[in-house]
Amino acid sequence: MKIDLSKNSLGRNLSILSKLINNIFLIKGINSLKKINNIIFFNKNNIKIKGKKKNNKLIYKHTGFLGGLKKKKYYDHFYKDIKIIKNSLKNMICKNFVFNIIKNKITLI
């Protein structure tokens, strides 16, 4: 599957993908999910993030040490890592083994 990120906002693209994955799982079963080769997101430089999230939203990460709370801006962190897409997709699809099948097939170009 190929998904163009420049057409819609990020949340809209991920909601469309999550509905598609849930419908494939519910209608056709687990074997059809295993047949999906890759989910490719392309045009990562043209991602549309709506509202004030570009400038105001922060991502917090704790290193595990005392005083180890790190914060980064959402927009800066987004281009370096695919974790934001994986986490938001994980929260949108079924809360069972479906995400474990799909998480290694996601790539960002």
N, C-alpha and C. Protein backbone atom coordinates (compact mmCIF):
# COMPACT_ATOMS: atom_id res chain seq x y z
N MET A 1 0.83 -1.17 0.00
CA MET A 1 0.00 0.00 0.00
C MET A 1 0.88 1.24 0.00
N LYS A 2 0.53 2.23 -0.79
CA LYS A 2 1.24 3.49 -0.82
C LYS A 2 0.29 4.61 -0.43
N ILE A 3 0.74 5.47 0.46
CA ILE A 3 -0.09 6.56 0.96
C ILE A 3 0.67 7.86 0.77
N ASP A 4 0.04 8.81 0.07
CA ASP A 4 0.63 10.12 -0.18
C ASP A 4 0.26 11.06 0.96
N LEU A 5 1.26 11.56 1.68
CA LEU A 5 1.02 12.40 2.84
C LEU A 5 0.76 13.85 2.49
N SER A 6 0.96 14.23 1.22
CA SER A 6 0.79 15.64 0.86
C SER A 6 -0.65 16.00 0.53
N LYS A 7 -1.52 15.02 0.33
CA LYS A 7 -2.89 15.32 -0.06
C LYS A 7 -3.75 15.79 1.11
N ASN A 8 -3.72 15.08 2.22
CA ASN A 8 -4.53 15.41 3.39
C ASN A 8 -3.63 15.66 4.59
N SER A 9 -4.26 16.01 5.70
CA SER A 9 -3.48 16.18 6.93
C SER A 9 -3.04 14.80 7.45
N LEU A 10 -2.11 14.81 8.37
CA LEU A 10 -1.55 13.56 8.88
C LEU A 10 -2.61 12.71 9.57
N GLY A 11 -3.43 13.32 10.41
CA GLY A 11 -4.46 12.58 11.13
C GLY A 11 -5.49 11.98 10.19
N ARG A 12 -5.83 12.70 9.14
CA ARG A 12 -6.81 12.19 8.17
C ARG A 12 -6.26 10.97 7.44
N ASN A 13 -5.00 11.04 7.02
CA ASN A 13 -4.38 9.90 6.33
C ASN A 13 -4.32 8.67 7.23
N LEU A 14 -3.96 8.87 8.50
CA LEU A 14 -3.85 7.75 9.42
C LEU A 14 -5.21 7.17 9.77
N SER A 15 -6.24 8.00 9.85
CA SER A 15 -7.57 7.46 10.13
C SER A 15 -8.10 6.64 8.97
N ILE A 16 -7.82 7.08 7.75
CA ILE A 16 -8.22 6.30 6.56
C ILE A 16 -7.51 4.96 6.55
N LEU A 17 -6.21 4.96 6.85
CA LEU A 17 -5.45 3.72 6.89
C LEU A 17 -5.93 2.80 7.99
N SER A 18 -6.23 3.34 9.17
CA SER A 18 -6.68 2.49 10.28
C SER A 18 -8.04 1.86 9.98
N LYS A 19 -8.95 2.61 9.34
CA LYS A 19 -10.23 2.03 8.95
C LYS A 19 -10.04 0.91 7.94
N LEU A 20 -9.13 1.11 7.01
CA LEU A 20 -8.86 0.09 6.00
C LEU A 20 -8.30 -1.18 6.64
N ILE A 21 -7.35 -1.02 7.57
CA ILE A 21 -6.75 -2.18 8.25
C ILE A 21 -7.79 -2.91 9.09
N ASN A 22 -8.61 -2.16 9.82
CA ASN A 22 -9.64 -2.80 10.64
C ASN A 22 -10.65 -3.55 9.80
N ASN A 23 -11.04 -2.96 8.66
CA ASN A 23 -12.00 -3.64 7.79
C ASN A 23 -11.41 -4.89 7.16
N ILE A 24 -10.14 -4.83 6.77
CA ILE A 24 -9.49 -6.03 6.22
C ILE A 24 -9.47 -7.13 7.27
N PHE A 25 -9.14 -6.79 8.50
CA PHE A 25 -9.05 -7.78 9.57
C PHE A 25 -10.43 -8.36 9.89
N LEU A 26 -11.45 -7.50 9.99
CA LEU A 26 -12.77 -7.98 10.40
C LEU A 26 -13.46 -8.78 9.31
N ILE A 27 -13.27 -8.39 8.05
CA ILE A 27 -13.99 -9.05 6.96
C ILE A 27 -13.23 -10.27 6.43
N LYS A 28 -11.94 -10.10 6.16
CA LYS A 28 -11.19 -11.17 5.50
C LYS A 28 -10.37 -12.04 6.44
N GLY A 29 -10.05 -11.54 7.63
CA GLY A 29 -9.34 -12.35 8.60
C GLY A 29 -7.86 -12.05 8.66
N ILE A 30 -7.17 -12.80 9.50
CA ILE A 30 -5.77 -12.56 9.81
C ILE A 30 -4.84 -12.88 8.65
N ASN A 31 -5.18 -13.85 7.83
CA ASN A 31 -4.29 -14.25 6.73
C ASN A 31 -4.15 -13.15 5.69
N SER A 32 -5.19 -12.36 5.50
CA SER A 32 -5.10 -11.27 4.53
C SER A 32 -4.19 -10.15 5.03
N LEU A 33 -4.10 -9.96 6.35
CA LEU A 33 -3.18 -8.95 6.89
C LEU A 33 -1.73 -9.39 6.72
N LYS A 34 -1.48 -10.67 6.83
CA LYS A 34 -0.12 -11.17 6.67
C LYS A 34 0.35 -11.06 5.23
N LYS A 35 -0.58 -10.99 4.28
CA LYS A 35 -0.21 -10.89 2.86
C LYS A 35 0.19 -9.48 2.46
N ILE A 36 -0.11 -8.48 3.29
CA ILE A 36 0.29 -7.10 2.98
C ILE A 36 1.81 -7.01 3.08
N ASN A 37 2.46 -6.59 2.00
CA ASN A 37 3.92 -6.53 1.99
C ASN A 37 4.45 -5.34 2.76
N ASN A 38 4.11 -4.14 2.34
CA ASN A 38 4.62 -2.92 2.96
C ASN A 38 3.54 -1.85 2.95
N ILE A 39 3.61 -0.98 3.94
CA ILE A 39 2.79 0.23 3.95
C ILE A 39 3.79 1.38 3.84
N ILE A 40 3.77 2.06 2.71
CA ILE A 40 4.77 3.08 2.42
C ILE A 40 4.11 4.45 2.47
N PHE A 41 4.64 5.32 3.32
CA PHE A 41 4.23 6.72 3.37
C PHE A 41 5.27 7.51 2.59
N PHE A 42 4.84 8.24 1.55
CA PHE A 42 5.81 9.04 0.80
C PHE A 42 5.40 10.51 0.81
N ASN A 43 6.31 11.37 0.35
CA ASN A 43 6.21 12.83 0.42
C ASN A 43 6.24 13.30 1.87
N LYS A 44 7.22 12.82 2.64
CA LYS A 44 7.29 13.20 4.05
C LYS A 44 7.68 14.67 4.23
N ASN A 45 8.23 15.30 3.21
CA ASN A 45 8.58 16.71 3.33
C ASN A 45 7.37 17.62 3.16
N ASN A 46 6.27 17.09 2.65
CA ASN A 46 5.07 17.89 2.40
C ASN A 46 3.94 17.54 3.34
N ILE A 47 4.25 17.07 4.55
CA ILE A 47 3.22 16.67 5.50
C ILE A 47 2.47 17.91 5.99
N LYS A 48 1.15 17.79 6.04
CA LYS A 48 0.33 18.89 6.54
C LYS A 48 -0.06 18.59 7.98
N ILE A 49 0.33 19.47 8.87
CA ILE A 49 -0.07 19.39 10.27
C ILE A 49 -0.90 20.62 10.55
N LYS A 50 -2.14 20.44 10.94
CA LYS A 50 -3.06 21.56 11.06
C LYS A 50 -3.02 22.18 12.45
N GLY A 51 -3.43 23.41 12.51
CA GLY A 51 -3.54 24.12 13.78
C GLY A 51 -2.20 24.63 14.28
N LYS A 52 -2.10 24.77 15.60
CA LYS A 52 -0.89 25.31 16.22
C LYS A 52 0.05 24.20 16.68
N LYS A 53 -0.19 22.98 16.22
CA LYS A 53 0.64 21.86 16.67
C LYS A 53 2.08 21.97 16.21
N LYS A 54 2.32 22.63 15.09
CA LYS A 54 3.69 22.78 14.60
C LYS A 54 4.58 23.48 15.62
N ASN A 55 4.06 24.52 16.22
CA ASN A 55 4.88 25.35 17.10
C ASN A 55 4.70 25.07 18.58
N ASN A 56 3.49 24.65 18.99
CA ASN A 56 3.18 24.58 20.41
C ASN A 56 3.26 23.19 21.02
N LYS A 57 3.01 22.14 20.26
CA LYS A 57 2.95 20.80 20.83
C LYS A 57 4.35 20.29 21.14
N LEU A 58 4.51 19.72 22.33
CA LEU A 58 5.78 19.19 22.76
C LEU A 58 5.67 17.69 22.99
N ILE A 59 6.77 16.98 22.77
CA ILE A 59 6.85 15.54 23.03
C ILE A 59 7.83 15.35 24.18
N TYR A 60 7.38 14.66 25.22
CA TYR A 60 8.22 14.42 26.38
C TYR A 60 8.71 12.98 26.36
N LYS A 61 9.97 12.79 26.72
CA LYS A 61 10.56 11.47 26.80
C LYS A 61 11.43 11.42 28.05
N HIS A 62 11.28 10.36 28.81
CA HIS A 62 12.08 10.22 30.03
C HIS A 62 13.18 9.20 29.78
N THR A 63 14.40 9.53 30.17
CA THR A 63 15.54 8.67 29.91
C THR A 63 15.68 7.55 30.93
N GLY A 64 15.04 7.69 32.08
CA GLY A 64 15.15 6.67 33.11
C GLY A 64 16.02 7.10 34.27
N PHE A 65 16.75 8.16 34.12
CA PHE A 65 17.60 8.68 35.18
C PHE A 65 16.90 9.84 35.89
N LEU A 66 17.40 10.20 37.06
CA LEU A 66 16.82 11.32 37.79
C LEU A 66 17.00 12.61 36.99
N GLY A 67 15.91 13.34 36.88
CA GLY A 67 15.96 14.58 36.12
C GLY A 67 16.14 14.37 34.63
N GLY A 68 15.76 13.22 34.13
CA GLY A 68 16.01 12.88 32.74
C GLY A 68 14.84 13.12 31.81
N LEU A 69 13.99 14.10 32.12
CA LEU A 69 12.86 14.39 31.26
C LEU A 69 13.31 15.30 30.12
N LYS A 70 13.20 14.82 28.91
CA LYS A 70 13.61 15.59 27.72
C LYS A 70 12.35 16.03 26.98
N LYS A 71 12.39 17.19 26.38
CA LYS A 71 11.27 17.64 25.58
C LYS A 71 11.76 18.15 24.24
N LYS A 72 10.97 17.86 23.22
CA LYS A 72 11.26 18.29 21.86
C LYS A 72 9.99 18.83 21.25
N LYS A 73 10.14 19.69 20.27
CA LYS A 73 8.97 20.15 19.54
C LYS A 73 8.48 19.05 18.62
N TYR A 74 7.19 18.98 18.46
CA TYR A 74 6.54 17.95 17.65
C TYR A 74 7.04 17.99 16.21
N TYR A 75 7.14 19.18 15.67
CA TYR A 75 7.49 19.33 14.25
C TYR A 75 8.95 18.95 13.99
N ASP A 76 9.85 19.29 14.92
CA ASP A 76 11.27 18.94 14.75
C ASP A 76 11.48 17.44 14.90
N HIS A 77 10.79 16.84 15.83
CA HIS A 77 10.96 15.42 16.11
C HIS A 77 10.36 14.55 15.00
N PHE A 78 9.39 15.11 14.30
CA PHE A 78 8.64 14.31 13.34
C PHE A 78 9.49 13.83 12.17
N TYR A 79 10.37 14.68 11.66
CA TYR A 79 11.14 14.31 10.48
C TYR A 79 12.25 13.32 10.78
N LYS A 80 12.64 13.19 12.03
CA LYS A 80 13.74 12.30 12.37
C LYS A 80 13.27 10.87 12.64
N ASP A 81 12.01 10.71 13.01
CA ASP A 81 11.59 9.42 13.52
C ASP A 81 10.19 9.07 13.00
N ILE A 82 9.94 7.78 12.87
CA ILE A 82 8.65 7.29 12.41
C ILE A 82 7.78 6.90 13.60
N LYS A 83 8.28 7.08 14.83
CA LYS A 83 7.54 6.66 16.02
C LYS A 83 6.21 7.39 16.17
N ILE A 84 6.14 8.63 15.72
CA ILE A 84 4.89 9.39 15.85
C ILE A 84 3.80 8.73 15.01
N ILE A 85 4.14 8.32 13.80
CA ILE A 85 3.16 7.66 12.94
C ILE A 85 2.77 6.31 13.54
N LYS A 86 3.75 5.55 14.02
CA LYS A 86 3.45 4.23 14.58
C LYS A 86 2.58 4.34 15.83
N ASN A 87 2.88 5.29 16.71
CA ASN A 87 2.10 5.44 17.94
C ASN A 87 0.67 5.88 17.65
N SER A 88 0.49 6.82 16.74
CA SER A 88 -0.86 7.27 16.44
C SER A 88 -1.65 6.18 15.71
N LEU A 89 -0.99 5.41 14.86
CA LEU A 89 -1.67 4.31 14.19
C LEU A 89 -2.02 3.20 15.19
N LYS A 90 -1.15 2.97 16.15
CA LYS A 90 -1.39 1.95 17.18
C LYS A 90 -2.63 2.29 18.00
N ASN A 91 -2.83 3.58 18.28
CA ASN A 91 -3.99 3.99 19.06
C ASN A 91 -5.28 3.98 18.26
N MET A 92 -5.18 3.97 16.92
CA MET A 92 -6.38 4.01 16.09
C MET A 92 -6.91 2.63 15.71
N ILE A 93 -6.05 1.61 15.63
CA ILE A 93 -6.52 0.30 15.17
C ILE A 93 -6.88 -0.58 16.36
N CYS A 94 -7.39 -1.76 16.07
CA CYS A 94 -7.86 -2.69 17.10
C CYS A 94 -6.77 -2.95 18.14
N LYS A 95 -7.18 -3.09 19.38
CA LYS A 95 -6.24 -3.30 20.47
C LYS A 95 -5.96 -4.78 20.67
N ASN A 96 -5.47 -5.43 19.65
CA ASN A 96 -5.09 -6.83 19.77
C ASN A 96 -3.82 -7.06 18.95
N PHE A 97 -3.60 -8.21 18.45
CA PHE A 97 -2.35 -8.56 17.77
C PHE A 97 -2.23 -7.98 16.38
N VAL A 98 -3.23 -7.24 15.90
CA VAL A 98 -3.21 -6.68 14.55
C VAL A 98 -2.04 -5.72 14.37
N PHE A 99 -1.81 -4.86 15.36
CA PHE A 99 -0.71 -3.89 15.23
C PHE A 99 0.64 -4.59 15.23
N ASN A 100 0.79 -5.68 15.96
CA ASN A 100 2.06 -6.40 15.98
C ASN A 100 2.41 -6.97 14.61
N ILE A 101 1.41 -7.31 13.83
CA ILE A 101 1.65 -7.81 12.47
C ILE A 101 2.09 -6.67 11.55
N ILE A 102 1.50 -5.49 11.73
CA ILE A 102 1.68 -4.40 10.79
C ILE A 102 2.86 -3.47 11.12
N LYS A 103 3.29 -3.42 12.38
CA LYS A 103 4.27 -2.40 12.79
C LYS A 103 5.60 -2.49 12.08
N ASN A 104 6.03 -3.66 11.67
CA ASN A 104 7.31 -3.80 10.98
C ASN A 104 7.21 -3.55 9.48
N LYS A 105 6.00 -3.38 8.99
CA LYS A 105 5.81 -3.18 7.56
C LYS A 105 5.65 -1.71 7.19
N ILE A 106 5.72 -0.80 8.16
CA ILE A 106 5.56 0.63 7.92
C ILE A 106 6.90 1.26 7.58
N THR A 107 6.95 1.98 6.46
CA THR A 107 8.16 2.72 6.09
C THR A 107 7.77 4.15 5.70
N LEU A 108 8.70 5.08 5.90
CA LEU A 108 8.47 6.48 5.59
C LEU A 108 9.53 6.94 4.61
N ILE A 109 9.09 7.43 3.46
CA ILE A 109 10.04 7.86 2.41
C ILE A 109 9.90 9.36 2.25
